[in-house]
């Protein structure tokens, strides 16, 4: 295989992180399937089908390790896909800059500098500006140490019809604090309202604060959740959640990173089956 072909295969292998998580059986590129079906099988079934889905490391930590290894080894051809995957898994842009700086001292200046151009292309393609990469170097104000989003503060928006059925209100949104990739919002579902089926690359946690509702993953029964309950959905798991037919429900939804894939709506028939669960 020529050097150019090798770079093409490497880039295709790790491009489109959402595909790697949603369709692990078809990650290996066609060139790999043609030249070495055995390696393609290991790539699909072991690397992306098992290793990346293991829960002993979070997707965010696994991305940090992988990006560090690629930069330290000088493998810049594979960086674009894995940098995008890292951002989807909750690594913040400013953390990528800090990672490269750290690696310059521990893995070598030339390899770290060689990664800068690739990182800039990925970040700019996602709308990240140079100003956003100039983060604080120390805690300077009270807001850096303790941030409070008050009830009723900020706009209340309606959940878009593409992603929800029924009346859904989203409020008290908050973004990740320094050193954390966790963000979330308060979501209120009117009776009968629910999300569409969806997946979060790094999983999701729901803390029910009012009323009762349902949550269900793709291969399991609907589970009733009420005020005081906490539901945790595994990374990459297809699921939905919403109110019961007779009760509104409010929950705080927490997730890490921006890797959410919205899928088809929960049909009335599927929702009726949830209502029929004992």
Protein backbone atom coordinates (compact mmCIF):
# COMPACT_ATOMS: atom_id res chain seq x y z
CA UNK A 1 0.00 0.00 0.00
CA UNK A 2 1.40 3.42 -0.95
CA UNK A 3 1.98 6.10 1.73
CA UNK A 4 -0.89 8.16 0.26
CA UNK A 5 -3.23 5.18 0.40
CA UNK A 6 -2.17 4.49 3.97
CA UNK A 7 -3.04 8.04 5.00
CA UNK A 8 -6.40 7.76 3.22
CA UNK A 9 -7.20 4.51 5.02
CA UNK A 10 -6.13 5.95 8.37
CA UNK A 11 -8.23 9.07 7.92
CA UNK A 12 -11.31 7.14 6.81
CA UNK A 13 -10.94 4.74 9.71
CA UNK A 14 -11.53 7.31 12.41
CA UNK A 15 -13.64 9.88 10.58
CA UNK A 16 -17.24 10.56 11.67
CA UNK A 17 -17.21 9.61 15.36
CA UNK A 18 -20.98 9.24 15.48
CA UNK A 19 -20.77 6.42 12.93
CA UNK A 20 -18.17 4.65 15.04
CA UNK A 21 -20.52 4.62 17.99
CA UNK A 22 -23.81 3.95 16.21
CA UNK A 23 -22.65 1.43 13.59
CA UNK A 24 -19.53 -0.26 14.96
CA UNK A 25 -19.92 -3.19 12.55
CA UNK A 26 -19.06 -0.99 9.53
CA UNK A 27 -16.17 1.23 10.63
CA UNK A 28 -13.32 -0.28 8.61
CA UNK A 29 -12.86 1.40 5.19
CA UNK A 30 -13.38 -0.52 1.97
CA UNK A 31 -9.64 -0.55 1.14
CA UNK A 32 -9.00 -2.39 4.39
CA UNK A 33 -11.81 -4.85 3.69
CA UNK A 34 -10.34 -5.53 0.23
CA UNK A 35 -6.68 -5.87 1.27
CA UNK A 36 -7.03 -7.55 4.67
CA UNK A 37 -10.50 -8.68 5.74
CA UNK A 38 -9.01 -10.01 8.98
CA UNK A 39 -7.80 -6.55 10.05
CA UNK A 40 -11.15 -5.08 9.04
CA UNK A 41 -12.85 -7.60 11.29
CA UNK A 42 -10.62 -6.73 14.23
CA UNK A 43 -11.28 -3.03 13.60
CA UNK A 44 -15.05 -3.41 13.49
CA UNK A 45 -15.62 -6.05 16.12
CA UNK A 46 -12.81 -5.53 18.63
CA UNK A 47 -11.49 -1.97 18.44
CA UNK A 48 -14.73 -0.06 17.83
CA UNK A 49 -17.18 -2.80 18.73
CA UNK A 50 -15.68 -3.65 22.14
CA UNK A 51 -12.73 -1.51 23.27
CA UNK A 52 -14.37 1.87 22.63
CA UNK A 53 -17.59 0.66 24.27
CA UNK A 54 -16.03 -0.62 27.49
CA UNK A 55 -17.13 1.24 30.60
CA UNK A 56 -13.90 0.96 32.62
CA UNK A 57 -12.87 4.28 31.02
CA UNK A 58 -15.34 7.00 30.13
CA UNK A 59 -15.55 7.97 26.43
CA UNK A 60 -14.02 11.33 27.38
CA UNK A 61 -11.02 9.75 29.10
CA UNK A 62 -10.59 7.25 26.29
CA UNK A 63 -10.50 10.12 23.79
CA UNK A 64 -7.87 11.99 25.83
CA UNK A 65 -5.67 8.89 25.94
CA UNK A 66 -6.08 8.23 22.21
CA UNK A 67 -5.37 11.81 21.12
CA UNK A 68 -2.31 11.91 23.39
CA UNK A 69 -0.98 8.66 21.93
CA UNK A 70 -1.49 9.84 18.35
CA UNK A 71 0.27 13.17 18.95
CA UNK A 72 3.13 11.54 20.87
CA UNK A 73 3.60 9.02 18.06
CA UNK A 74 3.46 11.63 15.31
CA UNK A 75 0.37 10.05 13.72
CA UNK A 76 -1.27 13.27 12.54
CA UNK A 77 -3.23 11.55 9.73
CA UNK A 78 -5.55 10.00 12.31
CA UNK A 79 -5.93 13.14 14.42
CA UNK A 80 -8.92 14.85 12.70
CA UNK A 81 -11.37 12.04 13.37
CA UNK A 82 -10.21 11.50 16.93
CA UNK A 83 -10.18 15.22 17.75
CA UNK A 84 -13.79 15.44 16.57
CA UNK A 85 -14.63 12.35 18.61
CA UNK A 86 -12.96 13.94 21.66
CA UNK A 87 -15.04 17.11 21.31
CA UNK A 88 -18.21 15.04 20.96
CA UNK A 89 -17.21 13.09 24.07
CA UNK A 90 -16.96 16.21 26.23
CA UNK A 91 -13.36 17.37 25.84
CA UNK A 92 -13.44 21.17 25.65
CA UNK A 93 -11.53 23.05 22.92
CA UNK A 94 -9.34 24.81 25.48
CA UNK A 95 -8.44 21.41 26.96
CA UNK A 96 -7.14 20.29 23.57
CA UNK A 97 -4.81 23.29 23.57
CA UNK A 98 -3.68 22.50 27.11
CA UNK A 99 -3.13 18.85 26.17
CA UNK A 100 -0.85 19.78 23.26
CA UNK A 101 1.13 22.16 25.51
CA UNK A 102 1.56 19.43 28.13
CA UNK A 103 2.67 16.90 25.51
CA UNK A 104 5.30 19.31 24.19
CA UNK A 105 7.20 18.85 27.46
CA UNK A 106 6.60 15.13 27.94
CA UNK A 107 6.41 13.70 24.40
CA UNK A 108 8.53 16.12 22.39
CA UNK A 109 8.25 19.62 20.99
CA UNK A 110 8.24 18.65 17.26
CA UNK A 111 5.36 16.17 17.60
CA UNK A 112 3.28 18.65 19.61
CA UNK A 113 3.92 21.47 17.12
CA UNK A 114 3.06 19.16 14.20
CA UNK A 115 -0.39 18.64 15.71
CA UNK A 116 -1.21 22.35 15.90
CA UNK A 117 -2.29 22.82 12.28
CA UNK A 118 -4.56 19.78 12.37
CA UNK A 119 -6.11 20.88 15.66
CA UNK A 120 -6.76 24.37 14.33
CA UNK A 121 -8.50 23.02 11.21
CA UNK A 122 -10.77 20.80 13.31
CA UNK A 123 -11.61 23.55 15.80
CA UNK A 124 -12.29 26.17 13.13
CA UNK A 125 -14.50 23.72 11.23
CA UNK A 126 -16.67 23.57 14.37
CA UNK A 127 -16.87 27.35 14.69
CA UNK A 128 -14.32 27.69 17.50
CA UNK A 129 -12.55 31.07 17.49
CA UNK A 130 -9.10 32.08 18.72
CA UNK A 131 -10.73 34.11 21.51
CA UNK A 132 -12.37 30.95 22.87
CA UNK A 133 -8.96 29.31 23.16
CA UNK A 134 -7.71 32.06 25.52
CA UNK A 135 -9.11 30.69 28.77
CA UNK A 136 -8.30 31.79 32.32
CA UNK A 137 -5.13 30.40 33.87
CA UNK A 138 -6.29 30.80 37.48
CA UNK A 139 -9.45 31.22 39.55
CA UNK A 140 -10.02 34.97 39.65
CA UNK A 141 -13.62 35.66 40.68
CA UNK A 142 -16.40 34.16 42.76
CA UNK A 143 -18.16 33.04 39.58
CA UNK A 144 -15.15 30.93 38.65
CA UNK A 145 -15.45 29.05 41.95
CA UNK A 146 -19.22 28.90 42.43
CA UNK A 147 -21.76 29.38 39.67
CA UNK A 148 -25.50 29.35 40.39
CA UNK A 149 -28.26 29.27 37.78
CA UNK A 150 -31.35 30.52 39.62
CA UNK A 151 -34.78 29.02 39.08
CA UNK A 152 -36.65 31.10 36.53
CA UNK A 153 -33.49 32.73 35.20
CA UNK A 154 -32.70 32.66 31.52
CA UNK A 155 -35.07 31.99 28.64
CA UNK A 156 -37.67 29.23 28.57
CA UNK A 157 -37.76 27.59 25.15
CA UNK A 158 -40.09 25.05 23.61
CA UNK A 159 -38.62 21.69 22.69
CA UNK A 160 -38.41 21.53 18.87
CA UNK A 161 -40.97 19.35 17.11
CA UNK A 162 -38.18 17.46 15.33
CA UNK A 163 -36.98 16.08 18.67
CA UNK A 164 -40.11 15.99 20.85
CA UNK A 165 -43.77 14.99 20.76
CA UNK A 166 -46.20 17.21 22.68
CA UNK A 167 -45.49 20.30 24.76
CA UNK A 168 -42.00 20.39 26.24
CA UNK A 169 -40.34 23.39 27.93
CA UNK A 170 -36.59 23.71 28.45
CA UNK A 171 -35.19 26.17 31.00
CA UNK A 172 -32.24 26.89 33.32
CA UNK A 173 -29.68 25.70 30.79
CA UNK A 174 -26.12 25.54 32.05
CA UNK A 175 -22.83 24.84 30.38
CA UNK A 176 -19.75 23.05 31.64
CA UNK A 177 -17.65 24.65 34.38
CA UNK A 178 -13.87 24.74 34.18
CA UNK A 179 -12.48 21.20 34.34
CA UNK A 180 -15.86 19.61 33.62
CA UNK A 181 -17.61 18.56 30.43
CA UNK A 182 -21.05 18.27 32.05
CA UNK A 183 -23.93 20.46 30.90
CA UNK A 184 -27.69 20.25 31.24
CA UNK A 185 -31.07 21.88 31.65
CA UNK A 186 -34.43 21.57 33.38
CA UNK A 187 -37.02 19.97 31.09
CA UNK A 188 -40.78 19.93 31.73
CA UNK A 189 -43.02 17.51 29.82
CA UNK A 190 -46.78 18.08 29.66
CA UNK A 191 -48.91 14.91 30.06
CA UNK A 192 -48.25 12.61 27.11
CA UNK A 193 -45.19 14.55 25.91
CA UNK A 194 -41.90 12.75 25.29
CA UNK A 195 -38.58 12.90 23.51
CA UNK A 196 -37.82 11.16 20.25
CA UNK A 197 -35.52 8.15 20.39
CA UNK A 198 -31.95 9.40 20.78
CA UNK A 199 -28.42 8.52 21.89
CA UNK A 200 -25.80 10.40 23.91
CA UNK A 201 -22.18 9.57 23.10
CA UNK A 202 -21.23 9.86 26.79
CA UNK A 203 -24.54 8.78 28.32
CA UNK A 204 -27.17 10.80 30.18
CA UNK A 205 -28.48 11.19 33.73
CA UNK A 206 -32.07 12.22 34.52
CA UNK A 207 -33.02 13.54 37.98
CA UNK A 208 -36.81 13.66 38.31
CA UNK A 209 -37.94 16.64 40.40
CA UNK A 210 -41.71 16.67 39.82
CA UNK A 211 -44.43 14.30 38.63
CA UNK A 212 -44.04 10.90 36.99
CA UNK A 213 -42.96 9.68 33.59
CA UNK A 214 -41.44 6.89 31.54
CA UNK A 215 -37.99 6.05 30.25
CA UNK A 216 -37.05 3.14 28.02
CA UNK A 217 -33.99 1.85 26.22
CA UNK A 218 -34.10 0.05 22.90
CA UNK A 219 -33.96 -3.52 24.20
CA UNK A 220 -35.89 -3.19 27.45
CA UNK A 221 -39.33 -2.46 28.88
CA UNK A 222 -40.53 1.03 29.76
CA UNK A 223 -39.69 1.98 33.35
CA UNK A 224 -41.80 4.35 35.43
CA UNK A 225 -39.84 7.19 37.06
CA UNK A 226 -41.20 9.67 39.62
CA UNK A 227 -40.01 12.63 41.67
CA UNK A 228 -36.85 11.71 43.58
CA UNK A 229 -35.80 9.00 41.11
CA UNK A 230 -32.51 9.15 39.18
CA UNK A 231 -32.17 7.36 35.83
CA UNK A 232 -28.77 6.78 34.21
CA UNK A 233 -28.53 5.83 30.53
CA UNK A 234 -25.34 4.20 29.26
CA UNK A 235 -23.18 5.82 26.55
CA UNK A 236 -24.49 5.22 23.04
CA UNK A 237 -27.73 3.58 24.26
CA UNK A 238 -30.83 4.34 22.19
CA UNK A 239 -33.58 5.54 24.54
CA UNK A 240 -36.44 7.97 25.16
CA UNK A 241 -38.11 9.61 28.16
CA UNK A 242 -41.23 11.64 28.84
CA UNK A 243 -44.32 12.17 30.98
CA UNK A 244 -47.10 9.70 31.66
CA UNK A 245 -50.43 10.23 29.93
CA UNK A 246 -52.01 11.67 33.08
CA UNK A 247 -49.12 13.46 34.80
CA UNK A 248 -46.65 16.14 33.81
CA UNK A 249 -43.00 15.43 34.61
CA UNK A 250 -40.01 17.68 35.22
CA UNK A 251 -36.45 16.44 35.29
CA UNK A 252 -32.94 17.84 35.24
CA UNK A 253 -31.09 16.29 32.29
CA UNK A 254 -27.31 16.00 32.57
CA UNK A 255 -24.88 14.88 29.87
CA UNK A 256 -21.21 15.16 29.05
CA UNK A 257 -20.14 16.58 25.72
CA UNK A 258 -22.25 17.46 22.70
CA UNK A 259 -22.53 14.02 21.16
CA UNK A 260 -26.31 13.52 20.90
CA UNK A 261 -27.90 11.81 17.91
CA UNK A 262 -31.64 12.41 17.48
CA UNK A 263 -33.49 9.55 15.81
CA UNK A 264 -37.10 8.72 14.93
CA UNK A 265 -40.08 9.80 17.02
CA UNK A 266 -41.61 7.50 19.62
CA UNK A 267 -44.82 6.44 17.90
CA UNK A 268 -48.22 6.51 19.58
CA UNK A 269 -48.19 2.70 19.46
CA UNK A 270 -44.81 2.52 21.24
CA UNK A 271 -46.02 5.02 23.84
CA UNK A 272 -49.21 3.01 24.35
CA UNK A 273 -47.09 -0.07 25.09
CA UNK A 274 -45.26 1.88 27.78
CA UNK A 275 -48.59 2.81 29.36
CA UNK A 276 -49.56 -0.87 29.34
CA UNK A 277 -46.47 -1.92 31.32
CA UNK A 278 -47.41 -3.32 34.76
